[in-house]
Amino acid sequence: MNKKLLKKLNPIPIKNVKIKEGFWGAKQDINRSVTLPIEYKQLKDTGRIDAWKLNWRPGQPNKPHQFWDSDVAKWIEAAAYSLAVNPDGELEKRVDEVVDMIANAQHDDGYLNIYYSVVEPGKRWTNLRDMHELYCAGHMIEAAAAYYEATGKKKLLDVMCRYADHIDTVFGPEEGKKKGYPGHPEIELALVKLYRVTGEERYLKLSKYFIDERGRDPKYFDAEAKGRGEEPGKKYWWDDWEIERYAYYQAHRPVREQDTAEGHAVRAMYLFSGMADVAAETGDDTLMEACKKLWKNVVEKRMYITGGVGSNPNGERFTFDYDLPNETAYAETCAAIGLVFWAQRMLNQEGDSVYADIMEKALYNGVLSGVSLDGTKFFYANPLQVYPPAYKYNTLGVGKNFTPTRQEWFGCACCPPNVARIISSLGQYIYSQSQDQMQNELYVNLYIQSTADFQIK
């Protein structure tokens, strides 16, 4: 099979699409002029950016958290997409300063992670289940690819290629390598992006390994827990009903044997997106069939009318078919964004408008609800029914990340920069183009006031 024909459609590159006016033009203007600057300030004020200096010591404030890397990475990625269509010298200078700090933080062997550099040095790769090393690496890779494509600057891309090369020496099926995979999927789709930018097939192979290894017996997370001196089967706070133990991580069985969306909704969306990417690049029909099966379960039985997914706050997760309560809905903003990612990949693989319909639904409802009209405040969770101002959400046993009003920031700040990056990158979702030499076509996926440059042969 001709590898170039495995992926049916390609998105029109973001640099070739201009959104100047209308509904989304205004959203992008606010995102660029308001949201990106206030998020940078929050990243500075909370210590996330300066943490890259690796000068934190025990007892000091602003102890780096396990996913701080990803918060900064998503802001860089959002800035990159903005710069691709709206050059801004001051914004680019800010990004370059952060990139310099990141590059200086890289270890000689290529390793790069704030938390394990200063908080628990010597314990890298000992807790893939919970500690987000590979998740953070994935977001950093995405940021590097986006910034290179926007500006042509390779510094961050070179840093992340070194890190990906290091990860490739640690994980894989070969003898002597760890047989692990991330507790929070993300690196899978990121490695495919890195492969597309660099042409290095090892990155695609590593992504496929993480997907293929997931859920196999014996469970890697069990062996890993024993290595830390922990009991593998201990209960966690989200274990509030009978489920398969590792369903929370989508690791309860191999991905091709999964037929219902389980566990943490954001993790599931990122995993399914990575599966679709690998299927598109390798022509793996079995992986694509698994994606279709999971898609049908999500959109027909486990998705809100808004495109929100993940109904239960205990674990930010899916529960069971048709369990979609309004009042206690979680519907995390990041999960709706992940659904957009997945929908676009399914659309570009299948060329079917049903995926565009869901992408549009999630964009206008599940995603945009996550940011205020003025671009300054955010929702983490998005219930469909609340009773402000006296509403006591926590009395219902619901997670702490929801209040009846949008917030300026969160301790777990995954959603604000995620909203910023998808609004910045919207241009690459509007149009797709067939690569079939016999039938070169343009697909209009979203009806958004815009212009695009492309060639029809």
Protein backbone atom coordinates (compact mmCIF):
# COMPACT_ATOMS: atom_id res chain seq x y z
CA MET A 1 0.00 0.00 0.00
CA ASN A 2 1.26 3.48 -0.89
CA LYS A 3 1.92 5.17 2.43
CA LYS A 4 1.07 8.60 1.00
CA LEU A 5 -2.48 7.47 0.38
CA LEU A 6 -3.19 6.04 3.81
CA LYS A 7 -4.50 9.34 5.11
CA LYS A 8 -7.45 10.36 2.96
CA LEU A 9 -7.41 14.08 3.74
CA ASN A 10 -4.93 16.64 5.00
CA PRO A 11 -5.93 19.89 6.71
CA ILE A 12 -5.09 23.09 4.84
CA PRO A 13 -2.04 24.47 6.72
CA ILE A 14 -2.84 27.14 9.27
CA LYS A 15 -0.66 29.72 7.51
CA ASN A 16 -2.87 29.39 4.45
CA VAL A 17 -6.11 30.18 6.28
CA LYS A 18 -7.13 33.65 7.43
CA ILE A 19 -10.02 34.33 9.82
CA LYS A 20 -10.35 38.11 9.81
CA GLU A 21 -13.94 38.92 10.66
CA GLY A 22 -17.19 37.49 11.98
CA PHE A 23 -17.85 35.42 15.08
CA TRP A 24 -14.56 33.55 15.15
CA GLY A 25 -12.50 36.51 14.00
CA ALA A 26 -13.62 38.35 17.15
CA LYS A 27 -12.85 35.28 19.29
CA GLN A 28 -9.34 35.06 17.87
CA ASP A 29 -8.75 38.79 18.39
CA ILE A 30 -9.67 38.47 22.08
CA ASN A 31 -7.62 35.30 22.42
CA ARG A 32 -4.58 37.02 20.93
CA SER A 33 -4.84 40.41 22.64
CA VAL A 34 -6.29 39.40 26.03
CA THR A 35 -6.11 35.69 26.81
CA LEU A 36 -2.53 34.97 25.76
CA PRO A 37 -1.09 37.90 27.77
CA ILE A 38 -3.07 37.12 30.95
CA GLU A 39 -2.13 33.46 30.74
CA TYR A 40 1.53 34.40 30.39
CA LYS A 41 1.17 36.57 33.50
CA GLN A 42 -0.46 33.71 35.42
CA LEU A 43 2.32 31.35 34.34
CA LYS A 44 4.88 33.87 35.59
CA ASP A 45 3.07 34.76 38.82
CA THR A 46 2.51 31.14 39.83
CA GLY A 47 6.15 30.20 39.18
CA ARG A 48 5.50 27.91 36.24
CA ILE A 49 7.80 29.71 33.81
CA ASP A 50 10.63 30.49 36.22
CA ALA A 51 10.54 26.86 37.38
CA TRP A 52 12.47 26.08 34.20
CA LYS A 53 15.47 27.76 35.83
CA LEU A 54 15.59 24.65 38.07
CA ASN A 55 16.52 26.69 41.11
CA TRP A 56 13.70 25.55 43.41
CA ARG A 57 14.84 23.96 46.67
CA PRO A 58 12.87 22.08 49.39
CA GLY A 59 11.12 24.46 51.76
CA GLN A 60 10.72 27.22 49.18
CA PRO A 61 7.30 28.37 47.89
CA ASN A 62 5.94 27.49 44.43
CA LYS A 63 6.98 23.86 44.58
CA PRO A 64 6.87 22.62 40.97
CA HIS A 65 4.00 20.29 40.22
CA GLN A 66 4.14 17.19 38.07
CA PHE A 67 2.31 18.82 35.16
CA TRP A 68 3.64 22.38 35.17
CA ASP A 69 5.65 21.62 32.02
CA SER A 70 2.42 21.02 30.10
CA ASP A 71 0.83 24.33 31.17
CA VAL A 72 3.75 26.29 29.74
CA ALA A 73 3.89 24.06 26.65
CA LYS A 74 0.25 24.68 25.76
CA TRP A 75 0.76 28.43 26.08
CA ILE A 76 3.77 28.23 23.72
CA GLU A 77 1.70 26.20 21.27
CA ALA A 78 -1.16 28.71 21.44
CA ALA A 79 1.30 31.57 20.87
CA ALA A 80 2.82 29.68 17.92
CA TYR A 81 -0.51 29.28 16.14
CA SER A 82 -1.25 32.96 16.73
CA LEU A 83 2.14 33.98 15.35
CA ALA A 84 1.59 31.81 12.26
CA VAL A 85 -1.19 34.13 11.07
CA ASN A 86 -0.56 37.31 13.11
CA PRO A 87 3.15 38.13 13.48
CA ASP A 88 3.87 39.83 16.80
CA GLY A 89 7.45 40.69 17.70
CA GLU A 90 6.77 41.12 21.41
CA LEU A 91 4.95 37.79 21.72
CA GLU A 92 7.67 36.01 19.77
CA LYS A 93 10.32 37.54 22.04
CA ARG A 94 8.46 36.24 25.10
CA VAL A 95 8.30 32.76 23.64
CA ASP A 96 11.99 32.82 22.75
CA GLU A 97 12.90 33.75 26.31
CA VAL A 98 10.93 30.79 27.64
CA VAL A 99 12.46 28.50 25.01
CA ASP A 100 15.94 29.55 26.15
CA MET A 101 15.07 28.56 29.74
CA ILE A 102 13.71 25.22 28.59
CA ALA A 103 16.81 24.49 26.53
CA ASN A 104 19.06 25.33 29.46
CA ALA A 105 17.07 22.94 31.68
CA GLN A 106 17.71 19.92 29.47
CA HIS A 107 19.93 17.22 30.95
CA ASP A 108 23.00 15.98 29.10
CA ASP A 109 21.20 12.75 28.16
CA GLY A 110 18.24 14.66 26.72
CA TYR A 111 15.88 14.25 29.67
CA LEU A 112 13.64 17.25 30.33
CA ASN A 113 11.16 17.57 33.19
CA ILE A 114 10.89 20.24 35.88
CA TYR A 115 9.46 18.05 38.66
CA TYR A 116 11.95 15.22 38.40
CA SER A 117 14.84 17.61 37.97
CA VAL A 118 14.34 19.43 41.28
CA VAL A 119 11.64 17.77 43.43
CA GLU A 120 12.40 14.04 43.11
CA PRO A 121 15.69 13.73 41.26
CA GLY A 122 16.69 10.14 40.77
CA LYS A 123 13.09 8.88 40.48
CA ARG A 124 12.43 9.55 36.81
CA TRP A 125 10.31 6.94 35.01
CA THR A 126 9.27 5.23 38.27
CA ASN A 127 5.58 6.21 38.19
CA LEU A 128 4.23 6.45 34.66
CA ARG A 129 0.74 5.76 35.98
CA ASP A 130 0.35 8.98 37.96
CA MET A 131 3.19 11.39 37.42
CA HIS A 132 2.68 12.76 33.90
CA GLU A 133 6.27 12.62 32.60
CA LEU A 134 5.24 11.31 29.18
CA TYR A 135 2.16 13.54 29.13
CA CYS A 136 4.32 16.62 29.71
CA ALA A 137 6.77 15.43 27.08
CA GLY A 138 3.91 15.14 24.61
CA HIS A 139 2.72 18.69 25.15
CA MET A 140 6.28 19.98 24.87
CA ILE A 141 6.68 18.12 21.57
CA GLU A 142 3.45 19.63 20.24
CA ALA A 143 4.64 23.10 21.23
CA ALA A 144 7.99 22.57 19.53
CA ALA A 145 6.41 21.38 16.28
CA ALA A 146 3.94 24.27 16.23
CA TYR A 147 6.60 26.90 16.97
CA TYR A 148 8.90 25.56 14.28
CA GLU A 149 6.13 25.53 11.68
CA ALA A 150 5.04 29.05 12.67
CA THR A 151 8.44 30.73 12.84
CA GLY A 152 11.00 28.39 11.29
CA LYS A 153 12.97 28.48 14.54
CA LYS A 154 14.41 25.07 15.40
CA LYS A 155 15.78 25.56 18.91
CA LEU A 156 12.81 24.08 20.76
CA LEU A 157 12.31 21.44 18.06
CA ASP A 158 15.92 20.31 18.44
CA VAL A 159 15.49 20.17 22.23
CA MET A 160 12.40 18.00 21.92
CA CYS A 161 13.96 15.73 19.30
CA ARG A 162 16.76 15.07 21.80
CA TYR A 163 14.17 14.32 24.47
CA ALA A 164 12.19 12.05 22.16
CA ASP A 165 15.43 10.26 21.27
CA HIS A 166 16.08 9.75 24.98
CA ILE A 167 12.56 8.41 25.55
CA ASP A 168 13.10 6.03 22.64
CA THR A 169 16.13 4.56 24.45
CA VAL A 170 14.05 3.96 27.58
CA PHE A 171 10.79 2.47 26.23
CA GLY A 172 10.03 -0.15 23.64
CA PRO A 173 9.68 -3.87 22.98
CA GLU A 174 13.42 -4.43 22.71
CA GLU A 175 15.33 -6.25 25.44
CA GLY A 176 16.50 -3.99 28.23
CA LYS A 177 13.85 -1.34 27.67
CA LYS A 178 10.90 -0.58 29.94
CA LYS A 179 7.62 -2.02 28.69
CA GLY A 180 5.65 0.95 30.00
CA TYR A 181 3.20 3.47 28.59
CA PRO A 182 1.77 6.72 29.96
CA GLY A 183 -0.94 6.85 32.59
CA HIS A 184 -2.12 10.02 30.87
CA PRO A 185 -2.04 9.53 27.09
CA GLU A 186 -0.83 12.49 25.01
CA ILE A 187 2.62 11.64 23.78
CA GLU A 188 1.12 9.25 21.23
CA LEU A 189 -0.42 11.99 19.09
CA ALA A 190 2.56 14.29 19.76
CA LEU A 191 5.07 11.77 18.43
CA VAL A 192 3.07 11.50 15.21
CA LYS A 193 3.26 15.29 14.86
CA LEU A 194 7.02 15.10 15.42
CA TYR A 195 7.28 12.38 12.79
CA ARG A 196 5.35 14.50 10.29
CA VAL A 197 7.60 17.50 10.91
CA THR A 198 10.94 15.66 10.90
CA GLY A 199 10.28 12.58 8.78
CA GLU A 200 11.99 10.45 11.47
CA GLU A 201 10.18 7.11 11.46
CA ARG A 202 11.45 6.15 14.92
CA TYR A 203 8.98 8.64 16.39
CA LEU A 204 6.04 7.04 14.59
CA LYS A 205 7.27 3.60 15.67
CA LEU A 206 7.49 4.74 19.30
CA SER A 207 3.96 6.15 19.18
CA LYS A 208 2.68 2.87 17.79
CA TYR A 209 4.53 0.98 20.54
CA PHE A 210 2.83 3.00 23.31
CA ILE A 211 -0.57 2.32 21.75
CA ASP A 212 0.01 -1.37 21.07
CA GLU A 213 1.48 -2.06 24.53
CA ARG A 214 -1.33 -0.40 26.46
CA GLY A 215 -3.52 -2.78 28.46
CA ARG A 216 -1.55 -5.92 27.83
CA ASP A 217 -1.04 -8.52 30.55
CA PRO A 218 0.80 -8.58 32.82
CA LYS A 219 -0.17 -4.97 33.58
CA TYR A 220 2.85 -2.71 33.60
CA PHE A 221 1.35 -0.46 36.27
CA ASP A 222 1.21 -3.44 38.67
CA ALA A 223 4.89 -4.19 38.25
CA GLU A 224 5.72 -0.50 38.51
CA ALA A 225 3.75 -0.14 41.77
CA LYS A 226 5.53 -3.14 43.27
CA GLY A 227 8.82 -1.54 42.31
CA ARG A 228 7.82 1.50 44.40
CA GLY A 229 6.87 -0.75 47.32
CA GLU A 230 3.14 -0.12 46.84
CA GLU A 231 0.19 -2.47 46.70
CA PRO A 232 -0.90 -2.53 43.04
CA GLY A 233 -4.61 -2.97 43.68
CA LYS A 234 -5.21 -0.26 46.28
CA LYS A 235 -8.37 1.79 45.90
CA TYR A 236 -8.35 5.42 44.86
CA TRP A 237 -10.79 8.22 45.55
CA TRP A 238 -12.50 7.79 42.18
CA ASP A 239 -13.29 4.11 42.74
CA ASP A 240 -16.95 4.73 43.55
CA TRP A 241 -18.49 1.90 41.55
CA GLU A 242 -17.50 -1.51 40.28
CA ILE A 243 -15.21 -1.15 37.28
CA GLU A 244 -12.19 -2.88 35.88
CA ARG A 245 -9.24 -1.61 37.86
CA TYR A 246 -7.29 0.10 35.07
CA ALA A 247 -10.22 1.41 33.08
CA TYR A 248 -9.48 4.84 34.54
CA TYR A 249 -6.28 4.90 32.44
CA GLN A 250 -7.79 3.11 29.41
CA ALA A 251 -5.37 0.31 30.28
CA HIS A 252 -7.88 -2.37 31.31
CA ARG A 253 -7.40 -4.23 28.03
CA PRO A 254 -5.53 -3.71 24.73
CA VAL A 255 -6.93 -0.78 22.75
CA ARG A 256 -8.24 -2.92 19.88
CA GLU A 257 -10.36 -4.86 22.39
CA GLN A 258 -11.94 -1.78 23.95
CA ASP A 259 -15.49 -1.12 22.76
CA THR A 260 -16.72 1.46 25.28
CA ALA A 261 -15.15 4.74 26.36
CA GLU A 262 -13.95 4.30 29.92
CA GLY A 263 -12.09 6.25 32.54
CA HIS A 264 -10.74 9.79 32.60
CA ALA A 265 -12.36 11.55 29.65
CA VAL A 266 -9.42 13.76 28.63
CA ARG A 267 -7.04 10.81 28.67
CA ALA A 268 -9.48 8.84 26.53
CA MET A 269 -9.84 11.62 23.94
CA TYR A 270 -6.09 12.05 23.62
CA LEU A 271 -5.56 8.30 23.36
CA PHE A 272 -8.23 7.87 20.69
CA SER A 273 -6.73 10.81 18.76
CA GLY A 274 -3.32 9.14 18.85
CA MET A 275 -4.85 5.86 17.72
CA ALA A 276 -6.45 7.58 14.73
CA ASP A 277 -3.14 9.26 13.88
CA VAL A 278 -1.19 6.02 13.95
CA ALA A 279 -3.88 4.28 11.91
CA ALA A 280 -3.69 7.07 9.32
CA GLU A 281 0.09 6.85 9.02
CA THR A 282 0.44 3.06 9.06
CA GLY A 283 -2.74 1.90 7.34
CA ASP A 284 -3.66 -0.20 10.39
CA ASP A 285 -7.29 -1.13 9.70
CA THR A 286 -7.68 -2.88 13.06
CA LEU A 287 -6.77 0.32 14.88
CA MET A 288 -9.15 2.37 12.77
CA GLU A 289 -11.96 -0.10 13.41
CA ALA A 290 -11.37 0.26 17.14
CA CYS A 291 -11.62 4.04 16.75
CA LYS A 292 -14.94 3.71 14.91
CA LYS A 293 -16.32 1.40 17.57
CA LEU A 294 -15.31 3.76 20.37
CA TRP A 295 -16.61 6.78 18.45
CA LYS A 296 -20.04 5.21 18.10
CA ASN A 297 -20.19 4.51 21.84
CA VAL A 298 -19.17 8.06 22.76
CA VAL A 299 -21.38 10.09 20.44
CA GLU A 300 -24.45 7.88 20.70
CA LYS A 301 -24.42 6.98 24.39
CA ARG A 302 -21.89 8.96 26.44
CA MET A 303 -21.90 12.53 25.10
CA TYR A 304 -23.98 15.53 26.21
CA ILE A 305 -25.99 17.58 23.74
CA THR A 306 -23.27 20.23 24.09
CA GLY A 307 -20.51 17.88 22.95
CA GLY A 308 -19.34 17.56 26.55
CA VAL A 309 -17.91 14.20 27.58
CA GLY A 310 -17.01 12.71 30.95
CA SER A 311 -20.09 12.99 33.13
CA ASN A 312 -18.76 12.10 36.59
CA PRO A 313 -16.56 14.50 38.62
CA ASN A 314 -15.12 11.62 40.67
CA GLY A 315 -12.20 10.90 38.41
CA GLU A 316 -13.38 13.33 35.68
CA ARG A 317 -14.58 10.27 33.88
CA PHE A 318 -17.08 8.35 31.83
CA THR A 319 -19.47 6.10 33.73
CA PHE A 320 -21.99 4.00 31.79
CA ASP A 321 -24.26 4.40 28.78
CA TYR A 322 -26.79 7.26 29.01
CA ASP A 323 -25.59 8.39 32.45
CA LEU A 324 -25.68 12.10 31.56
CA PRO A 325 -27.04 14.11 34.51
CA ASN A 326 -27.37 17.87 34.03
CA GLU A 327 -26.74 19.17 37.55
CA THR A 328 -23.66 17.13 38.36
CA ALA A 329 -22.22 17.00 34.86
CA TYR A 330 -18.47 17.45 34.77
CA ALA A 331 -17.92 17.81 31.01
CA GLU A 332 -14.39 19.15 31.41
CA THR A 333 -13.36 21.82 28.93
CA CYS A 334 -10.23 19.85 28.04
CA ALA A 335 -12.35 16.78 27.25
CA ALA A 336 -14.45 18.73 24.73
CA ILE A 337 -11.23 20.02 23.18
CA GLY A 338 -9.96 16.44 22.99
CA LEU A 339 -13.18 15.44 21.24
CA VAL A 340 -12.51 18.13 18.64
CA PHE A 341 -9.02 16.69 18.10
CA TRP A 342 -10.40 13.20 17.67
CA ALA A 343 -13.25 14.30 15.41
CA GLN A 344 -10.86 16.10 13.08
CA ARG A 345 -8.66 13.03 12.80
CA MET A 346 -11.61 10.75 12.09
CA LEU A 347 -12.90 13.25 9.54
CA ASN A 348 -9.59 13.44 7.72
CA GLN A 349 -9.28 9.67 7.68
CA GLU A 350 -12.84 8.91 6.60
CA GLY A 351 -13.99 12.07 4.79
CA ASP A 352 -17.40 11.70 6.44
CA SER A 353 -19.38 14.78 7.48
CA VAL A 354 -20.71 13.07 10.63
CA TYR A 355 -17.34 13.79 12.22
CA ALA A 356 -17.48 17.43 11.15
CA ASP A 357 -20.91 17.73 12.78
CA ILE A 358 -19.55 16.58 16.15
CA MET A 359 -16.46 18.76 15.78
CA GLU A 360 -18.71 21.77 15.22
CA LYS A 361 -21.00 20.85 18.12
CA ALA A 362 -18.11 20.55 20.56
CA LEU A 363 -16.41 23.73 19.34
CA TYR A 364 -19.42 25.99 19.70
CA ASN A 365 -20.68 24.52 22.96
CA GLY A 366 -18.36 22.32 24.98
CA VAL A 367 -15.23 24.37 24.20
CA LEU A 368 -16.40 27.99 24.11
CA SER A 369 -18.26 27.61 27.40
CA GLY A 370 -14.81 27.20 28.94
CA VAL A 371 -13.81 30.86 28.45
CA SER A 372 -15.63 34.11 29.25
CA LEU A 373 -16.69 36.52 26.50
CA ASP A 374 -13.90 38.94 27.46
CA GLY A 375 -11.28 36.15 27.43
CA THR A 376 -10.19 36.62 31.04
CA LYS A 377 -11.87 33.82 33.00
CA PHE A 378 -12.40 30.11 32.59
CA PHE A 379 -14.54 27.09 33.42
CA TYR A 380 -12.86 23.78 34.17
CA ALA A 381 -16.12 21.83 34.49
CA ASN A 382 -19.25 22.69 32.49
CA PRO A 383 -22.46 21.40 34.11
CA LEU A 384 -25.66 21.99 32.19
CA GLN A 385 -27.64 23.28 35.17
CA VAL A 386 -26.61 25.32 38.22
CA TYR A 387 -28.24 27.51 40.87
CA PRO A 388 -25.94 30.44 41.62
CA PRO A 389 -25.02 32.16 43.85
CA ALA A 390 -26.03 29.85 46.73
CA TYR A 391 -25.25 26.63 44.84
CA LYS A 392 -23.11 24.28 46.96
CA TYR A 393 -21.51 22.02 44.41
CA ASN A 394 -19.26 20.13 46.78
CA THR A 395 -22.22 19.02 48.92
CA LEU A 396 -23.16 16.75 46.03
CA GLY A 397 -19.81 15.01 46.21
CA VAL A 398 -18.64 16.81 43.09
CA GLY A 399 -15.03 17.82 42.44
CA LYS A 400 -13.46 21.06 43.55
CA ASN A 401 -12.84 22.42 40.06
CA PHE A 402 -16.31 23.90 39.62
CA THR A 403 -17.90 27.07 40.92
CA PRO A 404 -20.94 28.81 39.40
CA THR A 405 -18.71 31.56 37.99
CA ARG A 406 -15.67 31.36 35.75
CA GLN A 407 -12.30 31.64 37.48
CA GLU A 408 -9.13 33.56 36.60
CA TRP A 409 -6.93 30.47 37.04
CA PHE A 410 -6.75 27.02 38.63
CA GLY A 411 -4.20 25.09 40.63
CA CYS A 412 -4.64 22.42 37.96
CA ALA A 413 -4.50 24.84 35.04
CA CYS A 414 -4.80 22.50 32.06
CA CYS A 415 -7.96 24.10 30.63
CA PRO A 416 -7.07 27.81 30.16
CA PRO A 417 -4.06 27.30 27.85
CA ASN A 418 -5.87 24.44 26.13
CA VAL A 419 -8.72 26.79 25.20
CA ALA A 420 -6.19 29.34 23.99
CA ARG A 421 -4.41 26.86 21.74
CA ILE A 422 -7.53 25.54 20.06
CA ILE A 423 -8.87 29.04 19.36
CA SER A 424 -5.47 30.06 17.97
CA SER A 425 -5.32 26.96 15.78
CA LEU A 426 -8.91 27.08 14.50
CA GLY A 427 -7.82 27.79 10.93
CA GLN A 428 -6.50 24.26 10.47
CA TYR A 429 -9.91 22.74 11.25
CA ILE A 430 -11.93 24.59 8.61
CA TYR A 431 -10.70 23.00 5.38
CA SER A 432 -9.27 19.66 4.32
CA GLN A 433 -7.90 18.57 0.96
CA SER A 434 -7.83 15.16 -0.66
CA GLN A 435 -4.43 13.85 -1.64
CA ASP A 436 -5.77 11.34 -4.17
CA GLN A 437 -4.11 12.23 -7.48
CA MET A 438 -7.14 10.97 -9.38
CA GLN A 439 -9.67 13.02 -7.42
CA ASN A 440 -8.19 16.11 -5.79
CA GLU A 441 -10.93 17.81 -3.78
CA LEU A 442 -11.44 20.49 -1.15
CA TYR A 443 -13.61 19.74 1.89
CA VAL A 444 -15.23 22.58 3.84
CA ASN A 445 -15.65 21.24 7.37
CA LEU A 446 -16.78 24.34 9.25
CA TYR A 447 -18.77 27.30 7.96
CA ILE A 448 -16.52 30.09 9.25
CA GLN A 449 -15.92 33.45 7.60
CA SER A 450 -12.42 32.94 6.24
CA THR A 451 -10.15 32.80 3.22
CA ALA A 452 -7.82 29.97 2.24
CA ASP A 453 -4.97 29.47 -0.22
CA PHE A 454 -4.76 26.01 -1.82
CA GLN A 455 -4.19 24.29 -5.13
CA ILE A 456 -6.48 21.92 -6.98
CA LYS A 457 -4.55 19.84 -9.49
